[in-house]
Amino acid sequence: MEPIDLHLVSWNRPKMTKLVIETIHRNSKPENFRLVVVDNGSDNDTVDMLTELADNGMIDELHLWSENKGLEEARQFMLFHATESSYFICVDNDCLPPPMVDGVDWIDRLLDLMGKYESFAAISCRTQVMIGTGNIFEEADQVGDELVEFPHPGGSLRIMSTGATRQVGGWDAKRPGRGAEERYICGQLREAGYRTA
């Protein structure tokens, strides 16, 4: 299996960002991922922390931007300039990946789902808290479904097909705003005939 590119966008919050990176390393098989970080013009504390982690081999590719260009532009940059794998995973700097279960990590589980459900171009890990959408997992939990089809799965810990995402042009940097990132990209994928969950 090729290492999957993990795309982490950071902006300040050095303690939380460091915890996310450390948790990725603790909860993931080292051969399963390559961590790419774009920092969106953070303060010196965050830049120093990221530089130290990169120097210690915990970040494979680090891009330090001098200004905050927004989440969409950072994701777009990584899609077209820092992705080597057939799939990539969006990671936020405030969400922790789940632990391994019986020697299988969260990356293995997401890859397994993408292999089983080839019509899907984006699948997110289950969020810990759903705000504003109710419990979308209730029926799936009752019948044992492993996927819940959803028009805009969250942008954190979301595996995506590199080819499909490039095919639809990736993100539109002119559409920033809370909640816009996942609605935009998943809407583009669904318009192109792909499914999201």
C-alpha atoms as a PDB file:
ATOM      1  CA  MET A   1       0.000   0.000   0.000  1.00  0.00           C
ATOM      2  CA  GLU A   2       1.224   3.492  -0.826  1.00  0.00           C
ATOM      3  CA  PRO A   3       1.401   6.021   2.031  1.00  0.00           C
ATOM      4  CA  ILE A   4      -1.680   8.238   2.084  1.00  0.00           C
ATOM      5  CA  ASP A   5      -1.091  11.984   2.101  1.00  0.00           C
ATOM      6  CA  LEU A   6      -2.579  13.597   5.200  1.00  0.00           C
ATOM      7  CA  HIS A   7      -3.351  17.271   4.536  1.00  0.00           C
ATOM      8  CA  LEU A   8      -3.264  19.314   7.745  1.00  0.00           C
ATOM      9  CA  VAL A   9      -4.061  23.021   7.632  1.00  0.00           C
ATOM     10  CA  SER A  10      -2.950  24.941  10.724  1.00  0.00           C
ATOM     11  CA  TRP A  11      -3.456  28.445  12.014  1.00  0.00           C
ATOM     12  CA  ASN A  12      -2.260  29.269  15.516  1.00  0.00           C
ATOM     13  CA  ARG A  13      -3.425  27.025  18.417  1.00  0.00           C
ATOM     14  CA  PRO A  14       0.070  25.487  18.773  1.00  0.00           C
ATOM     15  CA  LYS A  15      -0.796  23.200  21.703  1.00  0.00           C
ATOM     16  CA  MET A  16      -3.820  21.702  19.958  1.00  0.00           C
ATOM     17  CA  THR A  17      -1.996  21.403  16.637  1.00  0.00           C
ATOM     18  CA  LYS A  18       0.915  19.624  18.304  1.00  0.00           C
ATOM     19  CA  LEU A  19      -1.506  17.258  20.054  1.00  0.00           C
ATOM     20  CA  VAL A  20      -3.162  16.416  16.722  1.00  0.00           C
ATOM     21  CA  ILE A  21       0.205  15.658  15.095  1.00  0.00           C
ATOM     22  CA  GLU A  22       1.354  13.553  18.037  1.00  0.00           C
ATOM     23  CA  THR A  23      -1.970  11.665  18.016  1.00  0.00           C
ATOM     24  CA  ILE A  24      -1.657  10.979  14.286  1.00  0.00           C
ATOM     25  CA  HIS A  25       1.710   9.350  14.984  1.00  0.00           C
ATOM     26  CA  ARG A  26       0.421   7.432  18.002  1.00  0.00           C
ATOM     27  CA  ASN A  27      -2.803   6.180  16.345  1.00  0.00           C
ATOM     28  CA  SER A  28      -1.513   5.471  12.832  1.00  0.00           C
ATOM     29  CA  LYS A  29       0.867   2.937  11.340  1.00  0.00           C
ATOM     30  CA  PRO A  30       3.956   4.872  10.191  1.00  0.00           C
ATOM     31  CA  GLU A  31       3.965   3.215   6.769  1.00  0.00           C
ATOM     32  CA  ASN A  32       0.349   4.295   6.155  1.00  0.00           C
ATOM     33  CA  PHE A  33       0.808   8.048   5.860  1.00  0.00           C
ATOM     34  CA  ARG A  34       2.827  11.042   4.767  1.00  0.00           C
ATOM     35  CA  LEU A  35       1.972  14.210   6.719  1.00  0.00           C
ATOM     36  CA  VAL A  36       1.796  17.474   4.772  1.00  0.00           C
ATOM     37  CA  VAL A  37       1.187  20.681   6.719  1.00  0.00           C
ATOM     38  CA  VAL A  38       0.309  24.114   5.378  1.00  0.00           C
ATOM     39  CA  ASP A  39       0.470  26.798   8.017  1.00  0.00           C
ATOM     40  CA  ASN A  40      -1.726  29.780   7.211  1.00  0.00           C
ATOM     41  CA  GLY A  41       0.397  32.630   8.592  1.00  0.00           C
ATOM     42  CA  SER A  42       0.464  31.642  12.262  1.00  0.00           C
ATOM     43  CA  ASP A  43       2.281  33.395  15.080  1.00  0.00           C
ATOM     44  CA  ASN A  44       5.909  32.619  15.932  1.00  0.00           C
ATOM     45  CA  ASP A  45       5.005  30.081  18.636  1.00  0.00           C
ATOM     46  CA  THR A  46       3.151  27.932  16.118  1.00  0.00           C
ATOM     47  CA  VAL A  47       5.782  28.321  13.406  1.00  0.00           C
ATOM     48  CA  ASP A  48       8.566  27.383  15.834  1.00  0.00           C
ATOM     49  CA  MET A  49       6.619  24.327  17.025  1.00  0.00           C
ATOM     50  CA  LEU A  50       5.901  23.145  13.467  1.00  0.00           C
ATOM     51  CA  THR A  51       9.505  23.681  12.408  1.00  0.00           C
ATOM     52  CA  GLU A  52      10.736  21.638  15.369  1.00  0.00           C
ATOM     53  CA  LEU A  53       8.297  18.794  14.574  1.00  0.00           C
ATOM     54  CA  ALA A  54       9.420  18.829  10.937  1.00  0.00           C
ATOM     55  CA  ASP A  55      13.068  18.768  12.006  1.00  0.00           C
ATOM     56  CA  ASN A  56      12.265  15.749  14.209  1.00  0.00           C
ATOM     57  CA  GLY A  57      10.653  13.842  11.333  1.00  0.00           C
ATOM     58  CA  MET A  58       7.030  14.202  12.462  1.00  0.00           C
ATOM     59  CA  ILE A  59       6.049  16.346   9.459  1.00  0.00           C
ATOM     60  CA  ASP A  60       7.088  15.112   6.027  1.00  0.00           C
ATOM     61  CA  GLU A  61       6.374  18.302   4.081  1.00  0.00           C
ATOM     62  CA  LEU A  62       5.908  21.730   5.703  1.00  0.00           C
ATOM     63  CA  HIS A  63       4.757  24.888   3.950  1.00  0.00           C
ATOM     64  CA  LEU A  64       4.880  28.083   6.033  1.00  0.00           C
ATOM     65  CA  TRP A  65       2.781  30.863   4.542  1.00  0.00           C
ATOM     66  CA  SER A  66       3.343  34.457   5.631  1.00  0.00           C
ATOM     67  CA  GLU A  67      -0.375  35.280   5.650  1.00  0.00           C
ATOM     68  CA  ASN A  68      -3.688  33.507   6.220  1.00  0.00           C
ATOM     69  CA  LYS A  69      -5.043  32.751   2.750  1.00  0.00           C
ATOM     70  CA  GLY A  70      -7.946  30.676   4.023  1.00  0.00           C
ATOM     71  CA  LEU A  71      -8.767  27.000   4.343  1.00  0.00           C
ATOM     72  CA  GLU A  72      -9.909  26.557   0.756  1.00  0.00           C
ATOM     73  CA  GLU A  73      -6.724  27.969  -0.766  1.00  0.00           C
ATOM     74  CA  ALA A  74      -4.582  25.803   1.521  1.00  0.00           C
ATOM     75  CA  ARG A  75      -6.536  22.661   0.562  1.00  0.00           C
ATOM     76  CA  GLN A  76      -6.299  23.603  -3.124  1.00  0.00           C
ATOM     77  CA  PHE A  77      -2.530  24.088  -2.875  1.00  0.00           C
ATOM     78  CA  MET A  78      -2.029  20.682  -1.259  1.00  0.00           C
ATOM     79  CA  LEU A  79      -4.298  18.938  -3.786  1.00  0.00           C
ATOM     80  CA  PHE A  80      -2.307  20.154  -6.781  1.00  0.00           C
ATOM     81  CA  HIS A  81       1.189  20.621  -5.322  1.00  0.00           C
ATOM     82  CA  ALA A  82       1.642  18.230  -2.395  1.00  0.00           C
ATOM     83  CA  THR A  83      -0.306  15.054  -3.189  1.00  0.00           C
ATOM     84  CA  GLU A  84       1.489  11.899  -4.277  1.00  0.00           C
ATOM     85  CA  SER A  85      -1.123   9.277  -3.337  1.00  0.00           C
ATOM     86  CA  SER A  86      -4.298   8.039  -5.053  1.00  0.00           C
ATOM     87  CA  TYR A  87      -6.265   9.146  -2.015  1.00  0.00           C
ATOM     88  CA  PHE A  88      -5.633  11.927   0.484  1.00  0.00           C
ATOM     89  CA  ILE A  89      -7.129  12.706   3.864  1.00  0.00           C
ATOM     90  CA  CYS A  90      -8.125  16.179   5.060  1.00  0.00           C
ATOM     91  CA  VAL A  91      -7.129  16.766   8.687  1.00  0.00           C
ATOM     92  CA  ASP A  92      -8.065  19.728  10.883  1.00  0.00           C
ATOM     93  CA  ASN A  93      -5.845  20.970  13.684  1.00  0.00           C
ATOM     94  CA  ASP A  94      -8.559  20.486  16.301  1.00  0.00           C
ATOM     95  CA  CYS A  95      -9.764  16.902  15.657  1.00  0.00           C
ATOM     96  CA  LEU A  96      -7.983  13.795  16.905  1.00  0.00           C
ATOM     97  CA  PRO A  97      -7.900  10.574  14.880  1.00  0.00           C
ATOM     98  CA  PRO A  98      -9.331   7.514  16.647  1.00  0.00           C
ATOM     99  CA  PRO A  99      -7.074   4.814  18.127  1.00  0.00           C
ATOM    100  CA  MET A 100      -6.177   1.527  16.468  1.00  0.00           C
ATOM    101  CA  VAL A 101      -8.561  -1.398  16.904  1.00  0.00           C
ATOM    102  CA  ASP A 102      -7.059  -4.894  16.758  1.00  0.00           C
ATOM    103  CA  GLY A 103      -4.002  -3.585  14.898  1.00  0.00           C
ATOM    104  CA  VAL A 104      -6.073  -1.729  12.278  1.00  0.00           C
ATOM    105  CA  ASP A 105      -5.745   2.032  12.205  1.00  0.00           C
ATOM    106  CA  TRP A 106      -8.215   4.681  11.069  1.00  0.00           C
ATOM    107  CA  ILE A 107      -6.386   5.069   7.733  1.00  0.00           C
ATOM    108  CA  ASP A 108      -6.735   1.326   7.028  1.00  0.00           C
ATOM    109  CA  ARG A 109     -10.442   1.556   7.838  1.00  0.00           C
ATOM    110  CA  LEU A 110     -11.021   4.532   5.527  1.00  0.00           C
ATOM    111  CA  LEU A 111      -9.069   2.874   2.702  1.00  0.00           C
ATOM    112  CA  ASP A 112     -11.093  -0.302   3.158  1.00  0.00           C
ATOM    113  CA  LEU A 113     -14.330   1.682   2.761  1.00  0.00           C
ATOM    114  CA  MET A 114     -13.061   3.439  -0.371  1.00  0.00           C
ATOM    115  CA  GLY A 115     -12.157   0.049  -1.836  1.00  0.00           C
ATOM    116  CA  LYS A 116     -15.546  -1.467  -1.041  1.00  0.00           C
ATOM    117  CA  TYR A 117     -17.611   1.514  -2.202  1.00  0.00           C
ATOM    118  CA  GLU A 118     -15.982   2.633  -5.437  1.00  0.00           C
ATOM    119  CA  SER A 119     -18.722   5.108  -6.381  1.00  0.00           C
ATOM    120  CA  PHE A 120     -17.822   7.264  -3.360  1.00  0.00           C
ATOM    121  CA  ALA A 121     -15.239  10.037  -3.762  1.00  0.00           C
ATOM    122  CA  ALA A 122     -15.300  11.292  -0.157  1.00  0.00           C
ATOM    123  CA  ILE A 123     -15.903   9.497   3.143  1.00  0.00           C
ATOM    124  CA  SER A 124     -15.427  11.100   6.562  1.00  0.00           C
ATOM    125  CA  CYS A 125     -14.793   9.457   9.875  1.00  0.00           C
ATOM    126  CA  ARG A 126     -17.826   9.636  12.109  1.00  0.00           C
ATOM    127  CA  THR A 127     -17.924  12.939  13.928  1.00  0.00           C
ATOM    128  CA  GLN A 128     -18.063  12.921  17.704  1.00  0.00           C
ATOM    129  CA  VAL A 129     -20.779  15.579  17.855  1.00  0.00           C
ATOM    130  CA  MET A 130     -23.329  16.559  15.223  1.00  0.00           C
ATOM    131  CA  ILE A 131     -24.430  20.188  15.472  1.00  0.00           C
ATOM    132  CA  GLY A 132     -27.393  21.406  13.466  1.00  0.00           C
ATOM    133  CA  THR A 133     -28.081  18.152  11.610  1.00  0.00           C
ATOM    134  CA  GLY A 134     -29.520  15.883  14.288  1.00  0.00           C
ATOM    135  CA  ASN A 135     -28.366  12.290  14.640  1.00  0.00           C
ATOM    136  CA  ILE A 136     -27.785  11.177  11.061  1.00  0.00           C
ATOM    137  CA  PHE A 137     -26.348   7.885  12.350  1.00  0.00           C
ATOM    138  CA  GLU A 138     -29.447   6.635  14.196  1.00  0.00           C
ATOM    139  CA  GLU A 139     -30.869   4.453  11.417  1.00  0.00           C
ATOM    140  CA  ALA A 140     -27.450   3.178  10.338  1.00  0.00           C
ATOM    141  CA  ASP A 141     -26.684   2.172  13.919  1.00  0.00           C
ATOM    142  CA  GLN A 142     -29.960   0.237  14.137  1.00  0.00           C
ATOM    143  CA  VAL A 143     -29.412  -1.757  10.946  1.00  0.00           C
ATOM    144  CA  GLY A 144     -25.612  -2.001  11.092  1.00  0.00           C
ATOM    145  CA  ASP A 145     -24.750   0.070   7.998  1.00  0.00           C
ATOM    146  CA  GLU A 146     -21.092   1.086   7.865  1.00  0.00           C
ATOM    147  CA  LEU A 147     -21.745   4.161   5.693  1.00  0.00           C
ATOM    148  CA  VAL A 148     -24.229   6.998   5.988  1.00  0.00           C
ATOM    149  CA  GLU A 149     -24.606   8.776   2.671  1.00  0.00           C
ATOM    150  CA  PHE A 150     -24.497  12.521   3.336  1.00  0.00           C
ATOM    151  CA  PRO A 151     -24.249  15.490   0.945  1.00  0.00           C
ATOM    152  CA  HIS A 152     -21.425  17.260   2.792  1.00  0.00           C
ATOM    153  CA  PRO A 153     -19.396  15.026   5.125  1.00  0.00           C
ATOM    154  CA  GLY A 154     -17.143  16.949   7.482  1.00  0.00           C
ATOM    155  CA  GLY A 155     -13.755  18.165   6.376  1.00  0.00           C
ATOM    156  CA  SER A 156     -11.812  16.606   9.210  1.00  0.00           C
ATOM    157  CA  LEU A 157     -10.518  13.054   8.776  1.00  0.00           C
ATOM    158  CA  ARG A 158     -12.168  12.870   5.344  1.00  0.00           C
ATOM    159  CA  ILE A 159     -10.600  10.570   2.769  1.00  0.00           C
ATOM    160  CA  MET A 160     -10.975  11.726  -0.821  1.00  0.00           C
ATOM    161  CA  SER A 161     -10.147  10.381  -4.243  1.00  0.00           C
ATOM    162  CA  THR A 162      -7.288  12.460  -5.639  1.00  0.00           C
ATOM    163  CA  GLY A 163      -8.372  11.864  -9.241  1.00  0.00           C
ATOM    164  CA  ALA A 164     -12.029  12.734  -8.658  1.00  0.00           C
ATOM    165  CA  THR A 165     -11.187  15.844  -6.630  1.00  0.00           C
ATOM    166  CA  ARG A 166      -8.775  17.074  -9.288  1.00  0.00           C
ATOM    167  CA  GLN A 167     -11.342  16.236 -11.975  1.00  0.00           C
ATOM    168  CA  VAL A 168     -13.865  18.680 -10.457  1.00  0.00           C
ATOM    169  CA  GLY A 169     -11.198  21.363 -10.014  1.00  0.00           C
ATOM    170  CA  GLY A 170     -10.803  21.148  -6.260  1.00  0.00           C
ATOM    171  CA  TRP A 171     -11.764  24.047  -4.022  1.00  0.00           C
ATOM    172  CA  ASP A 172     -12.874  27.556  -4.932  1.00  0.00           C
ATOM    173  CA  ALA A 173     -10.871  30.016  -2.827  1.00  0.00           C
ATOM    174  CA  LYS A 174     -13.534  32.670  -3.483  1.00  0.00           C
ATOM    175  CA  ARG A 175     -16.053  30.751  -1.358  1.00  0.00           C
ATOM    176  CA  PRO A 176     -14.563  30.958   2.139  1.00  0.00           C
ATOM    177  CA  GLY A 177     -16.583  30.762   5.312  1.00  0.00           C
ATOM    178  CA  ARG A 178     -17.474  28.359   8.090  1.00  0.00           C
ATOM    179  CA  GLY A 179     -19.078  25.241   6.652  1.00  0.00           C
ATOM    180  CA  ALA A 180     -18.519  26.296   3.047  1.00  0.00           C
ATOM    181  CA  GLU A 181     -15.479  24.080   2.416  1.00  0.00           C
ATOM    182  CA  GLU A 182     -17.222  20.707   2.693  1.00  0.00           C
ATOM    183  CA  ARG A 183     -20.452  21.897   1.089  1.00  0.00           C
ATOM    184  CA  TYR A 184     -18.583  23.242  -1.923  1.00  0.00           C
ATOM    185  CA  ILE A 185     -16.224  20.338  -2.651  1.00  0.00           C
ATOM    186  CA  CYS A 186     -18.740  17.604  -1.913  1.00  0.00           C
ATOM    187  CA  GLY A 187     -21.349  19.441  -3.996  1.00  0.00           C
ATOM    188  CA  GLN A 188     -18.897  19.516  -6.896  1.00  0.00           C
ATOM    189  CA  LEU A 189     -18.211  15.790  -6.513  1.00  0.00           C
ATOM    190  CA  ARG A 190     -21.913  14.916  -6.361  1.00  0.00           C
ATOM    191  CA  GLU A 191     -22.677  17.055  -9.431  1.00  0.00           C
ATOM    192  CA  ALA A 192     -20.005  15.032 -11.255  1.00  0.00           C
ATOM    193  CA  GLY A 193     -21.808  11.779 -10.321  1.00  0.00           C
ATOM    194  CA  TYR A 194     -19.781  10.716  -7.293  1.00  0.00           C
ATOM    195  CA  ARG A 195     -21.238   9.909  -3.894  1.00  0.00           C
ATOM    196  CA  THR A 196     -20.181  11.152  -0.454  1.00  0.00           C
ATOM    197  CA  ALA A 197     -20.692   9.686   3.015  1.00  0.00           C
END
